[in-house]
N, C-alpha and C. Protein backbone atom coordinates (compact mmCIF):
# COMPACT_ATOMS: atom_id res chain seq x y z
N ASP A 1 0.13 -10.76 8.41
CA ASP A 1 -1.19 -10.63 9.01
C ASP A 1 -1.93 -9.40 8.47
N LYS A 2 -1.18 -8.29 8.30
CA LYS A 2 -1.82 -7.06 7.82
C LYS A 2 -2.31 -7.24 6.38
N LEU A 3 -1.54 -7.93 5.55
CA LEU A 3 -1.96 -8.15 4.17
C LEU A 3 -3.25 -8.98 4.13
N THR A 4 -3.31 -10.01 4.96
CA THR A 4 -4.51 -10.85 5.04
C THR A 4 -5.69 -10.04 5.55
N SER A 5 -5.44 -9.19 6.53
CA SER A 5 -6.49 -8.33 7.07
C SER A 5 -7.05 -7.40 5.99
N ASN A 6 -6.18 -6.85 5.17
CA ASN A 6 -6.62 -5.99 4.06
C ASN A 6 -7.47 -6.78 3.07
N ASP A 7 -7.04 -7.99 2.75
CA ASP A 7 -7.81 -8.84 1.84
C ASP A 7 -9.21 -9.10 2.39
N LYS A 8 -9.28 -9.43 3.67
CA LYS A 8 -10.58 -9.71 4.31
C LYS A 8 -11.48 -8.48 4.31
N GLU A 9 -10.88 -7.30 4.49
CA GLU A 9 -11.68 -6.08 4.47
C GLU A 9 -12.30 -5.84 3.11
N VAL A 10 -11.52 -6.07 2.04
CA VAL A 10 -12.06 -5.92 0.68
C VAL A 10 -13.23 -6.87 0.47
N LEU A 11 -13.06 -8.11 0.89
CA LEU A 11 -14.13 -9.10 0.70
C LEU A 11 -15.36 -8.77 1.54
N SER A 12 -15.15 -8.30 2.77
CA SER A 12 -16.31 -7.99 3.62
C SER A 12 -17.07 -6.76 3.13
N ARG A 13 -16.35 -5.79 2.59
CA ARG A 13 -17.01 -4.59 2.05
C ARG A 13 -17.54 -4.80 0.64
N ASP A 14 -17.02 -5.84 -0.02
CA ASP A 14 -17.41 -6.18 -1.38
C ASP A 14 -17.22 -4.99 -2.33
N SER A 15 -16.08 -4.30 -2.14
CA SER A 15 -15.78 -3.16 -3.01
C SER A 15 -14.26 -2.95 -3.07
N PRO A 16 -13.80 -2.24 -4.10
CA PRO A 16 -12.36 -1.97 -4.22
C PRO A 16 -11.89 -1.06 -3.09
N LEU A 17 -10.66 -1.30 -2.62
CA LEU A 17 -10.04 -0.46 -1.60
C LEU A 17 -8.57 -0.27 -1.94
N GLU A 18 -8.02 0.85 -1.49
CA GLU A 18 -6.60 1.15 -1.70
C GLU A 18 -5.88 1.12 -0.36
N PHE A 19 -4.69 0.53 -0.36
CA PHE A 19 -3.90 0.38 0.85
C PHE A 19 -2.45 0.72 0.57
N GLU A 20 -1.75 1.15 1.61
CA GLU A 20 -0.29 1.21 1.57
C GLU A 20 0.17 0.02 2.39
N GLU A 21 0.91 -0.88 1.76
CA GLU A 21 1.29 -2.14 2.40
C GLU A 21 2.80 -2.32 2.41
N ILE A 22 3.29 -2.96 3.45
CA ILE A 22 4.71 -3.28 3.57
C ILE A 22 4.87 -4.79 3.47
N ALA A 23 5.78 -5.21 2.61
CA ALA A 23 6.05 -6.64 2.43
C ALA A 23 7.55 -6.87 2.43
N LYS A 24 7.96 -8.00 3.00
CA LYS A 24 9.38 -8.35 2.99
C LYS A 24 9.72 -9.13 1.73
N LEU A 25 10.80 -8.71 1.09
CA LEU A 25 11.36 -9.44 -0.05
C LEU A 25 12.76 -9.84 0.36
N GLY A 26 12.91 -11.08 0.75
CA GLY A 26 14.18 -11.52 1.32
C GLY A 26 14.36 -10.85 2.67
N GLU A 27 15.43 -10.12 2.82
CA GLU A 27 15.71 -9.40 4.06
C GLU A 27 15.23 -7.95 4.01
N GLU A 28 14.76 -7.51 2.86
CA GLU A 28 14.40 -6.10 2.66
C GLU A 28 12.89 -5.89 2.73
N GLU A 29 12.48 -4.81 3.39
CA GLU A 29 11.07 -4.42 3.40
C GLU A 29 10.82 -3.44 2.25
N ARG A 30 9.73 -3.65 1.53
CA ARG A 30 9.34 -2.77 0.43
C ARG A 30 7.96 -2.23 0.74
N VAL A 31 7.67 -1.02 0.27
CA VAL A 31 6.38 -0.37 0.48
C VAL A 31 5.63 -0.36 -0.85
N TYR A 32 4.37 -0.75 -0.81
CA TYR A 32 3.55 -0.83 -2.01
C TYR A 32 2.26 -0.04 -1.85
N SER A 33 1.85 0.62 -2.92
CA SER A 33 0.52 1.18 -3.02
C SER A 33 -0.31 0.13 -3.74
N SER A 34 -1.30 -0.42 -3.05
CA SER A 34 -2.08 -1.54 -3.59
C SER A 34 -3.55 -1.17 -3.72
N VAL A 35 -4.14 -1.58 -4.83
CA VAL A 35 -5.58 -1.51 -5.03
C VAL A 35 -6.06 -2.95 -5.13
N LYS A 36 -7.00 -3.31 -4.25
CA LYS A 36 -7.53 -4.68 -4.24
C LYS A 36 -9.03 -4.62 -4.48
N PHE A 37 -9.53 -5.64 -5.17
CA PHE A 37 -10.95 -5.64 -5.53
C PHE A 37 -11.46 -7.06 -5.69
N PRO A 38 -12.76 -7.27 -5.38
CA PRO A 38 -13.33 -8.60 -5.58
C PRO A 38 -13.61 -8.83 -7.07
N LEU A 39 -13.34 -10.04 -7.53
CA LEU A 39 -13.64 -10.43 -8.90
C LEU A 39 -14.94 -11.22 -8.88
N LYS A 40 -15.88 -10.84 -9.73
CA LYS A 40 -17.20 -11.47 -9.76
C LYS A 40 -17.34 -12.42 -10.94
N ASP A 41 -18.11 -13.48 -10.75
CA ASP A 41 -18.41 -14.39 -11.86
C ASP A 41 -19.66 -13.89 -12.59
N GLU A 42 -20.14 -14.67 -13.56
CA GLU A 42 -21.31 -14.25 -14.34
C GLU A 42 -22.56 -14.08 -13.48
N ALA A 43 -22.63 -14.79 -12.38
CA ALA A 43 -23.79 -14.70 -11.49
C ALA A 43 -23.68 -13.54 -10.50
N GLY A 44 -22.56 -12.82 -10.56
CA GLY A 44 -22.37 -11.70 -9.65
C GLY A 44 -21.80 -12.10 -8.30
N GLU A 45 -21.38 -13.35 -8.17
CA GLU A 45 -20.79 -13.83 -6.92
C GLU A 45 -19.27 -13.62 -6.94
N THR A 46 -18.74 -13.28 -5.80
CA THR A 46 -17.29 -13.12 -5.69
C THR A 46 -16.62 -14.47 -5.85
N CYS A 47 -15.68 -14.55 -6.79
CA CYS A 47 -14.98 -15.81 -7.03
C CYS A 47 -13.47 -15.70 -6.77
N ALA A 48 -12.98 -14.47 -6.61
CA ALA A 48 -11.55 -14.28 -6.36
C ALA A 48 -11.31 -12.88 -5.85
N LEU A 49 -10.13 -12.68 -5.34
CA LEU A 49 -9.68 -11.37 -4.91
C LEU A 49 -8.53 -10.98 -5.82
N CYS A 50 -8.60 -9.81 -6.43
CA CYS A 50 -7.56 -9.35 -7.34
C CYS A 50 -6.88 -8.11 -6.75
N GLY A 51 -5.67 -7.86 -7.20
CA GLY A 51 -4.98 -6.67 -6.73
C GLY A 51 -3.92 -6.23 -7.70
N ILE A 52 -3.63 -4.94 -7.63
CA ILE A 52 -2.56 -4.34 -8.41
C ILE A 52 -1.71 -3.54 -7.42
N SER A 53 -0.42 -3.83 -7.39
CA SER A 53 0.47 -3.16 -6.44
C SER A 53 1.62 -2.49 -7.18
N THR A 54 1.96 -1.29 -6.71
CA THR A 54 3.07 -0.54 -7.26
C THR A 54 4.09 -0.30 -6.15
N ASP A 55 5.34 -0.64 -6.40
CA ASP A 55 6.40 -0.44 -5.42
C ASP A 55 6.69 1.06 -5.31
N ILE A 56 6.45 1.63 -4.13
CA ILE A 56 6.68 3.06 -3.90
C ILE A 56 7.77 3.29 -2.86
N THR A 57 8.61 2.28 -2.64
CA THR A 57 9.65 2.38 -1.62
C THR A 57 10.58 3.56 -1.87
N GLU A 58 11.09 3.69 -3.08
CA GLU A 58 12.02 4.78 -3.39
C GLU A 58 11.36 6.14 -3.22
N LYS A 59 10.11 6.25 -3.63
CA LYS A 59 9.38 7.51 -3.47
C LYS A 59 9.23 7.86 -1.99
N LYS A 60 8.85 6.88 -1.17
CA LYS A 60 8.70 7.11 0.27
C LYS A 60 10.03 7.53 0.88
N ASN A 61 11.12 6.88 0.48
CA ASN A 61 12.44 7.24 1.00
C ASN A 61 12.83 8.66 0.60
N ALA A 62 12.54 9.04 -0.64
CA ALA A 62 12.86 10.38 -1.12
C ALA A 62 12.05 11.44 -0.38
N VAL A 63 10.77 11.19 -0.15
CA VAL A 63 9.92 12.13 0.58
C VAL A 63 10.43 12.30 2.01
N SER A 64 10.81 11.21 2.64
CA SER A 64 11.35 11.28 4.00
C SER A 64 12.65 12.07 4.05
N ALA A 65 13.52 11.84 3.07
CA ALA A 65 14.80 12.56 3.02
C ALA A 65 14.57 14.05 2.81
N LEU A 66 13.63 14.41 1.93
CA LEU A 66 13.32 15.82 1.70
C LEU A 66 12.72 16.48 2.93
N ALA A 67 11.86 15.77 3.63
CA ALA A 67 11.26 16.31 4.85
C ALA A 67 12.34 16.57 5.90
N LYS A 68 13.30 15.66 6.01
CA LYS A 68 14.39 15.81 6.97
C LYS A 68 15.26 17.02 6.59
N LEU A 69 15.59 17.14 5.30
CA LEU A 69 16.38 18.29 4.85
C LEU A 69 15.65 19.60 5.11
N ASN A 70 14.36 19.61 4.85
CA ASN A 70 13.55 20.81 5.07
C ASN A 70 13.54 21.19 6.55
N ALA A 71 13.38 20.21 7.42
CA ALA A 71 13.38 20.47 8.86
C ALA A 71 14.74 21.00 9.29
N ASP A 72 15.83 20.44 8.76
CA ASP A 72 17.18 20.92 9.08
C ASP A 72 17.36 22.37 8.64
N LEU A 73 16.90 22.69 7.44
CA LEU A 73 17.00 24.06 6.92
C LEU A 73 16.20 25.04 7.77
N GLU A 74 15.00 24.64 8.17
CA GLU A 74 14.16 25.52 9.00
C GLU A 74 14.82 25.78 10.35
N ARG A 75 15.47 24.78 10.93
CA ARG A 75 16.17 24.97 12.22
C ARG A 75 17.32 25.97 12.05
N ARG A 76 18.01 25.91 10.92
CA ARG A 76 19.14 26.81 10.69
C ARG A 76 18.69 28.26 10.51
N VAL A 77 17.51 28.44 9.92
CA VAL A 77 16.98 29.78 9.69
C VAL A 77 16.55 30.43 10.99
N GLU A 78 16.05 29.63 11.92
CA GLU A 78 15.57 30.16 13.21
C GLU A 78 16.72 30.58 14.00
């Protein structure tokens, strides 16, 4: 539903937008940085919705792990 909602927002604004989206691949959830944009025909009418997505799951996991380690270190210093 969220992916469809993002698509509709791009079409209603008629401009490119960037989203962080979660999608299930089998049993696993993956996180994507997505840029979506309307594709125009020669007459300037929207004829399709296009997007480019980059899987950032590992990056998000690494940032979370570093934040947790940092919080643990700060507690030990106090």
